[in-house]
Amino acid sequence: MKPLRLLDDVRRRVLIHRRLLGSLFAALAVWIVVQAATVPPPATVPVWTAARALPSGTVLGSDDFTRTGYAPGSVPLGAVRSLTGVVGRTLATPLGVREPITAADLAGSERLAGFPGRSAVAVRIPDPDVVALLTPGQRVALVASDPQGEREPVRIVDDAAVIAVPRRSTGAAAGSLTGRLVVFAVPAQLADEVAAAGTSRYLSVVWSR
């Protein structure tokens, strides 16, 4: 009988204290929720990114951008933190949704400093491995070939200066385009011809110096 009395005694004690235990567990749960809610979120650095897919040649407006938070230390190099001096500029390289915009993505007259009498032209070089060898400041010749092979290749510029090699887009704006975009400083009188060749012919690069 003693074991039965001991079991009954334990049951009575549990019943007496169960409300207290329940209250304690409920209070603990509330405390955990409150603590989780009051912990500040990780600090982020706001960066301007594309609000939608933006093709190269877009004249940028303020509605083309949205702010995206990056963890400190992960902000892309050269990412734009202010739209001052960006709105109204022309995009030299395509941007995908939420891709950060950098100074290298913009085409502008300041890139022509040191190149009097020249115009900046952004053209697509079909071979990305060739573009990987280009760096700003290099002087190259541009040769236009007929993709159908019906016309002889023509050297359209003997001394084109590389002034920017925009980063490759990884977003939807890249679409099905092949090759990579390069911005050249070319003699102003040849700018239209170079731009036209970039859209209708296959451009090759020849290192002339």
C-alpha atoms as a PDB file:
ATOM      1  CA  MET A   1       0.000   0.000   0.000  1.00  0.00           C
ATOM      2  CA  LYS A   2       2.885   2.308   0.679  1.00  0.00           C
ATOM      3  CA  PRO A   3       3.837   2.506  -3.010  1.00  0.00           C
ATOM      4  CA  LEU A   4       0.250   3.425  -3.835  1.00  0.00           C
ATOM      5  CA  ARG A   5       0.253   6.162  -1.214  1.00  0.00           C
ATOM      6  CA  LEU A   6       3.571   7.475  -2.598  1.00  0.00           C
ATOM      7  CA  LEU A   7       2.155   7.535  -6.140  1.00  0.00           C
ATOM      8  CA  ASP A   8      -0.970   9.359  -4.946  1.00  0.00           C
ATOM      9  CA  ASP A   9       1.210  11.883  -3.122  1.00  0.00           C
ATOM     10  CA  VAL A  10       3.224  12.568  -6.278  1.00  0.00           C
ATOM     11  CA  ARG A  11       0.032  13.020  -8.292  1.00  0.00           C
ATOM     12  CA  ARG A  12      -1.336  15.486  -5.759  1.00  0.00           C
ATOM     13  CA  ARG A  13       1.865  17.520  -5.821  1.00  0.00           C
ATOM     14  CA  VAL A  14       1.862  17.643  -9.619  1.00  0.00           C
ATOM     15  CA  LEU A  15      -1.758  18.742  -9.692  1.00  0.00           C
ATOM     16  CA  ILE A  16      -1.072  21.424  -7.095  1.00  0.00           C
ATOM     17  CA  HIS A  17       1.870  22.870  -8.996  1.00  0.00           C
ATOM     18  CA  ARG A  18       0.777  22.331 -12.589  1.00  0.00           C
ATOM     19  CA  ARG A  19      -0.786  25.778 -12.862  1.00  0.00           C
ATOM     20  CA  LEU A  20       2.393  27.365 -11.604  1.00  0.00           C
ATOM     21  CA  LEU A  21       4.489  25.315 -14.027  1.00  0.00           C
ATOM     22  CA  GLY A  22       2.155  26.182 -16.875  1.00  0.00           C
ATOM     23  CA  SER A  23       2.414  29.884 -16.070  1.00  0.00           C
ATOM     24  CA  LEU A  24       6.203  29.659 -15.926  1.00  0.00           C
ATOM     25  CA  PHE A  25       6.418  27.928 -19.327  1.00  0.00           C
ATOM     26  CA  ALA A  26       4.001  30.461 -20.859  1.00  0.00           C
ATOM     27  CA  ALA A  27       6.027  33.340 -19.472  1.00  0.00           C
ATOM     28  CA  LEU A  28       9.207  31.782 -20.856  1.00  0.00           C
ATOM     29  CA  ALA A  29       7.650  31.462 -24.296  1.00  0.00           C
ATOM     30  CA  VAL A  30       6.539  35.114 -24.236  1.00  0.00           C
ATOM     31  CA  TRP A  31      10.016  36.200 -23.153  1.00  0.00           C
ATOM     32  CA  ILE A  32      11.632  34.298 -26.037  1.00  0.00           C
ATOM     33  CA  VAL A  33       9.250  35.895 -28.570  1.00  0.00           C
ATOM     34  CA  VAL A  34       9.864  39.391 -27.168  1.00  0.00           C
ATOM     35  CA  GLN A  35      13.626  38.899 -27.239  1.00  0.00           C
ATOM     36  CA  ALA A  36      13.511  37.714 -30.848  1.00  0.00           C
ATOM     37  CA  ALA A  37      11.371  40.700 -31.845  1.00  0.00           C
ATOM     38  CA  THR A  38      13.653  43.228 -30.166  1.00  0.00           C
ATOM     39  CA  VAL A  39      16.917  41.942 -31.676  1.00  0.00           C
ATOM     40  CA  PRO A  40      17.865  44.519 -34.349  1.00  0.00           C
ATOM     41  CA  PRO A  41      18.218  43.172 -37.895  1.00  0.00           C
ATOM     42  CA  PRO A  42      21.739  42.932 -39.333  1.00  0.00           C
ATOM     43  CA  ALA A  43      23.059  46.277 -40.552  1.00  0.00           C
ATOM     44  CA  THR A  44      22.949  46.717 -44.338  1.00  0.00           C
ATOM     45  CA  VAL A  45      24.382  49.243 -46.772  1.00  0.00           C
ATOM     46  CA  PRO A  46      21.799  50.688 -49.220  1.00  0.00           C
ATOM     47  CA  VAL A  47      22.900  50.506 -52.853  1.00  0.00           C
ATOM     48  CA  TRP A  48      21.031  51.637 -55.964  1.00  0.00           C
ATOM     49  CA  THR A  49      20.109  48.698 -58.187  1.00  0.00           C
ATOM     50  CA  ALA A  50      18.072  48.257 -61.373  1.00  0.00           C
ATOM     51  CA  ALA A  51      14.332  48.175 -60.708  1.00  0.00           C
ATOM     52  CA  ARG A  52      13.837  46.137 -63.894  1.00  0.00           C
ATOM     53  CA  ALA A  53      15.887  44.774 -66.769  1.00  0.00           C
ATOM     54  CA  LEU A  54      17.630  47.725 -68.432  1.00  0.00           C
ATOM     55  CA  PRO A  55      19.186  47.311 -71.901  1.00  0.00           C
ATOM     56  CA  SER A  56      22.345  49.155 -72.880  1.00  0.00           C
ATOM     57  CA  GLY A  57      21.609  52.571 -74.352  1.00  0.00           C
ATOM     58  CA  THR A  58      18.890  53.328 -71.766  1.00  0.00           C
ATOM     59  CA  VAL A  59      18.742  56.992 -70.749  1.00  0.00           C
ATOM     60  CA  LEU A  60      18.423  56.562 -67.003  1.00  0.00           C
ATOM     61  CA  GLY A  61      15.604  58.026 -64.927  1.00  0.00           C
ATOM     62  CA  SER A  62      15.034  57.919 -61.179  1.00  0.00           C
ATOM     63  CA  ASP A  63      12.256  55.327 -61.610  1.00  0.00           C
ATOM     64  CA  ASP A  64      14.751  52.899 -63.159  1.00  0.00           C
ATOM     65  CA  PHE A  65      16.292  52.254 -59.738  1.00  0.00           C
ATOM     66  CA  THR A  66      15.422  50.799 -56.377  1.00  0.00           C
ATOM     67  CA  ARG A  67      17.421  50.543 -53.161  1.00  0.00           C
ATOM     68  CA  THR A  68      18.791  47.146 -52.178  1.00  0.00           C
ATOM     69  CA  GLY A  69      20.551  46.420 -48.889  1.00  0.00           C
ATOM     70  CA  TYR A  70      23.938  44.704 -48.930  1.00  0.00           C
ATOM     71  CA  ALA A  71      25.749  43.322 -45.919  1.00  0.00           C
ATOM     72  CA  PRO A  72      28.831  45.375 -44.999  1.00  0.00           C
ATOM     73  CA  GLY A  73      31.819  43.986 -46.842  1.00  0.00           C
ATOM     74  CA  SER A  74      29.733  42.594 -49.704  1.00  0.00           C
ATOM     75  CA  VAL A  75      28.968  45.881 -51.481  1.00  0.00           C
ATOM     76  CA  PRO A  76      30.072  45.584 -55.141  1.00  0.00           C
ATOM     77  CA  LEU A  77      33.132  47.670 -55.996  1.00  0.00           C
ATOM     78  CA  GLY A  78      32.131  51.044 -57.411  1.00  0.00           C
ATOM     79  CA  ALA A  79      28.418  50.591 -56.610  1.00  0.00           C
ATOM     80  CA  VAL A  80      26.451  53.843 -56.852  1.00  0.00           C
ATOM     81  CA  ARG A  81      25.311  55.155 -53.477  1.00  0.00           C
ATOM     82  CA  SER A  82      23.710  58.357 -54.797  1.00  0.00           C
ATOM     83  CA  LEU A  83      21.758  59.028 -57.994  1.00  0.00           C
ATOM     84  CA  THR A  84      23.213  62.513 -58.260  1.00  0.00           C
ATOM     85  CA  GLY A  85      25.045  62.598 -61.567  1.00  0.00           C
ATOM     86  CA  VAL A  86      23.469  59.305 -62.688  1.00  0.00           C
ATOM     87  CA  VAL A  87      19.951  60.315 -63.739  1.00  0.00           C
ATOM     88  CA  GLY A  88      20.007  61.430 -67.363  1.00  0.00           C
ATOM     89  CA  ARG A  89      23.141  59.460 -68.174  1.00  0.00           C
ATOM     90  CA  THR A  90      23.236  56.660 -70.746  1.00  0.00           C
ATOM     91  CA  LEU A  91      23.712  53.049 -69.721  1.00  0.00           C
ATOM     92  CA  ALA A  92      26.688  51.485 -71.487  1.00  0.00           C
ATOM     93  CA  THR A  93      26.020  47.904 -70.399  1.00  0.00           C
ATOM     94  CA  PRO A  94      22.785  45.980 -69.752  1.00  0.00           C
ATOM     95  CA  LEU A  95      21.622  45.480 -66.175  1.00  0.00           C
ATOM     96  CA  GLY A  96      19.420  42.708 -64.829  1.00  0.00           C
ATOM     97  CA  VAL A  97      16.777  43.162 -62.137  1.00  0.00           C
ATOM     98  CA  ARG A  98      18.393  44.089 -58.798  1.00  0.00           C
ATOM     99  CA  GLU A  99      21.868  44.320 -60.319  1.00  0.00           C
ATOM    100  CA  PRO A 100      23.816  47.199 -58.750  1.00  0.00           C
ATOM    101  CA  ILE A 101      24.841  50.032 -61.034  1.00  0.00           C
ATOM    102  CA  THR A 102      28.482  51.091 -60.988  1.00  0.00           C
ATOM    103  CA  ALA A 103      30.379  53.969 -62.544  1.00  0.00           C
ATOM    104  CA  ALA A 104      31.753  51.538 -65.130  1.00  0.00           C
ATOM    105  CA  ASP A 105      28.212  50.929 -66.417  1.00  0.00           C
ATOM    106  CA  LEU A 106      27.773  54.546 -67.515  1.00  0.00           C
ATOM    107  CA  ALA A 107      28.738  56.180 -70.775  1.00  0.00           C
ATOM    108  CA  GLY A 108      29.641  59.843 -70.601  1.00  0.00           C
ATOM    109  CA  SER A 109      31.817  62.609 -71.948  1.00  0.00           C
ATOM    110  CA  GLU A 110      34.184  62.477 -68.957  1.00  0.00           C
ATOM    111  CA  ARG A 111      35.539  59.208 -70.331  1.00  0.00           C
ATOM    112  CA  LEU A 112      36.888  61.197 -73.292  1.00  0.00           C
ATOM    113  CA  ALA A 113      39.246  63.289 -71.163  1.00  0.00           C
ATOM    114  CA  GLY A 114      42.594  63.172 -72.921  1.00  0.00           C
ATOM    115  CA  PHE A 115      41.070  62.205 -76.273  1.00  0.00           C
ATOM    116  CA  PRO A 116      40.386  65.502 -78.099  1.00  0.00           C
ATOM    117  CA  GLY A 117      38.503  65.211 -81.370  1.00  0.00           C
ATOM    118  CA  ARG A 118      37.122  61.791 -80.489  1.00  0.00           C
ATOM    119  CA  SER A 119      33.715  60.345 -79.673  1.00  0.00           C
ATOM    120  CA  ALA A 120      32.866  57.476 -77.345  1.00  0.00           C
ATOM    121  CA  VAL A 121      31.207  54.516 -79.059  1.00  0.00           C
ATOM    122  CA  ALA A 122      29.982  51.371 -77.302  1.00  0.00           C
ATOM    123  CA  VAL A 123      30.116  48.327 -79.579  1.00  0.00           C
ATOM    124  CA  ARG A 124      29.799  44.616 -78.991  1.00  0.00           C
ATOM    125  CA  ILE A 125      32.840  42.437 -79.657  1.00  0.00           C
ATOM    126  CA  PRO A 126      31.543  38.903 -80.389  1.00  0.00           C
ATOM    127  CA  ASP A 127      34.464  37.012 -78.835  1.00  0.00           C
ATOM    128  CA  PRO A 128      34.378  37.416 -75.012  1.00  0.00           C
ATOM    129  CA  ASP A 129      37.844  35.864 -74.707  1.00  0.00           C
ATOM    130  CA  VAL A 130      39.247  38.710 -76.780  1.00  0.00           C
ATOM    131  CA  VAL A 131      37.439  41.274 -74.632  1.00  0.00           C
ATOM    132  CA  ALA A 132      39.013  39.699 -71.542  1.00  0.00           C
ATOM    133  CA  LEU A 133      42.379  40.812 -72.925  1.00  0.00           C
ATOM    134  CA  LEU A 134      41.306  44.455 -73.290  1.00  0.00           C
ATOM    135  CA  THR A 135      42.014  47.069 -70.634  1.00  0.00           C
ATOM    136  CA  PRO A 136      41.337  50.828 -70.619  1.00  0.00           C
ATOM    137  CA  GLY A 137      44.144  52.741 -72.292  1.00  0.00           C
ATOM    138  CA  GLN A 138      44.975  50.149 -74.923  1.00  0.00           C
ATOM    139  CA  ARG A 139      45.095  51.217 -78.567  1.00  0.00           C
ATOM    140  CA  VAL A 140      43.706  48.749 -81.102  1.00  0.00           C
ATOM    141  CA  ALA A 141      42.434  48.562 -84.663  1.00  0.00           C
ATOM    142  CA  LEU A 142      38.847  47.512 -85.382  1.00  0.00           C
ATOM    143  CA  VAL A 143      38.114  45.241 -88.338  1.00  0.00           C
ATOM    144  CA  ALA A 144      34.541  44.717 -89.590  1.00  0.00           C
ATOM    145  CA  SER A 145      33.702  41.383 -91.223  1.00  0.00           C
ATOM    146  CA  ASP A 146      30.560  40.251 -93.002  1.00  0.00           C
ATOM    147  CA  PRO A 147      28.883  37.465 -90.955  1.00  0.00           C
ATOM    148  CA  GLN A 148      27.703  35.896 -94.242  1.00  0.00           C
ATOM    149  CA  GLY A 149      31.171  36.052 -95.770  1.00  0.00           C
ATOM    150  CA  GLU A 150      29.903  37.924 -98.821  1.00  0.00           C
ATOM    151  CA  ARG A 151      32.174  40.961 -98.359  1.00  0.00           C
ATOM    152  CA  GLU A 152      35.850  41.332 -97.601  1.00  0.00           C
ATOM    153  CA  PRO A 153      36.847  42.408 -94.067  1.00  0.00           C
ATOM    154  CA  VAL A 154      37.444  46.145 -93.737  1.00  0.00           C
ATOM    155  CA  ARG A 155      39.632  47.907 -91.187  1.00  0.00           C
ATOM    156  CA  ILE A 156      37.412  50.800 -90.119  1.00  0.00           C
ATOM    157  CA  VAL A 157      39.608  52.286 -87.378  1.00  0.00           C
ATOM    158  CA  ASP A 158      43.382  52.114 -87.088  1.00  0.00           C
ATOM    159  CA  ASP A 159      43.679  53.670 -83.638  1.00  0.00           C
ATOM    160  CA  ALA A 160      40.704  53.063 -81.342  1.00  0.00           C
ATOM    161  CA  ALA A 161      41.404  53.696 -77.663  1.00  0.00           C
ATOM    162  CA  VAL A 162      39.751  51.417 -75.122  1.00  0.00           C
ATOM    163  CA  ILE A 163      38.142  53.643 -72.486  1.00  0.00           C
ATOM    164  CA  ALA A 164      35.873  51.161 -70.672  1.00  0.00           C
ATOM    165  CA  VAL A 165      35.201  47.440 -70.514  1.00  0.00           C
ATOM    166  CA  PRO A 166      31.835  47.187 -68.727  1.00  0.00           C
ATOM    167  CA  ARG A 167      31.340  44.121 -66.584  1.00  0.00           C
ATOM    168  CA  ARG A 168      29.384  41.275 -68.081  1.00  0.00           C
ATOM    169  CA  SER A 169      25.691  41.271 -67.135  1.00  0.00           C
ATOM    170  CA  THR A 170      24.399  38.143 -65.436  1.00  0.00           C
ATOM    171  CA  GLY A 171      20.732  39.167 -65.375  1.00  0.00           C
ATOM    172  CA  ALA A 172      17.830  38.864 -67.740  1.00  0.00           C
ATOM    173  CA  ALA A 173      18.862  42.044 -69.526  1.00  0.00           C
ATOM    174  CA  ALA A 174      21.728  40.150 -71.140  1.00  0.00           C
ATOM    175  CA  GLY A 175      19.106  38.197 -73.093  1.00  0.00           C
ATOM    176  CA  SER A 176      20.503  36.142 -75.957  1.00  0.00           C
ATOM    177  CA  LEU A 177      23.194  38.677 -76.891  1.00  0.00           C
ATOM    178  CA  THR A 178      26.616  37.202 -77.488  1.00  0.00           C
ATOM    179  CA  GLY A 179      30.024  38.693 -76.878  1.00  0.00           C
ATOM    180  CA  ARG A 180      30.711  41.682 -74.663  1.00  0.00           C
ATOM    181  CA  LEU A 181      30.359  45.414 -74.851  1.00  0.00           C
ATOM    182  CA  VAL A 182      33.446  47.638 -75.078  1.00  0.00           C
ATOM    183  CA  VAL A 183      33.559  51.451 -75.151  1.00  0.00           C
ATOM    184  CA  PHE A 184      36.105  52.924 -77.574  1.00  0.00           C
ATOM    185  CA  ALA A 185      37.251  56.478 -78.208  1.00  0.00           C
ATOM    186  CA  VAL A 186      37.370  56.813 -81.990  1.00  0.00           C
ATOM    187  CA  PRO A 187      37.888  59.776 -84.333  1.00  0.00           C
ATOM    188  CA  ALA A 188      34.644  61.741 -84.343  1.00  0.00           C
ATOM    189  CA  GLN A 189      34.267  61.450 -88.129  1.00  0.00           C
ATOM    190  CA  LEU A 190      34.303  57.633 -87.859  1.00  0.00           C
ATOM    191  CA  ALA A 191      31.938  57.300 -84.880  1.00  0.00           C
ATOM    192  CA  ASP A 192      28.793  56.666 -86.948  1.00  0.00           C
ATOM    193  CA  GLU A 193      30.528  54.075 -89.103  1.00  0.00           C
ATOM    194  CA  VAL A 194      31.867  52.218 -86.063  1.00  0.00           C
ATOM    195  CA  ALA A 195      28.456  52.259 -84.365  1.00  0.00           C
ATOM    196  CA  ALA A 196      26.768  50.916 -87.512  1.00  0.00           C
ATOM    197  CA  ALA A 197      29.377  48.195 -87.936  1.00  0.00           C
ATOM    198  CA  GLY A 198      28.821  47.143 -84.344  1.00  0.00           C
ATOM    199  CA  THR A 199      25.188  46.296 -85.079  1.00  0.00           C
ATOM    200  CA  SER A 200      25.437  44.850 -88.596  1.00  0.00           C
ATOM    201  CA  ARG A 201      28.886  43.302 -88.862  1.00  0.00           C
ATOM    202  CA  TYR A 202      31.303  41.148 -86.877  1.00  0.00           C
ATOM    203  CA  LEU A 203      33.923  43.322 -85.162  1.00  0.00           C
ATOM    204  CA  SER A 204      37.407  41.963 -84.529  1.00  0.00           C
ATOM    205  CA  VAL A 205      40.234  43.554 -82.570  1.00  0.00           C
ATOM    206  CA  VAL A 206      43.803  43.894 -83.854  1.00  0.00           C
ATOM    207  CA  TRP A 207      46.528  45.056 -81.472  1.00  0.00           C
ATOM    208  CA  SER A 208      48.405  47.693 -83.429  1.00  0.00           C
ATOM    209  CA  ARG A 209      50.811  48.840 -80.726  1.00  0.00           C
END
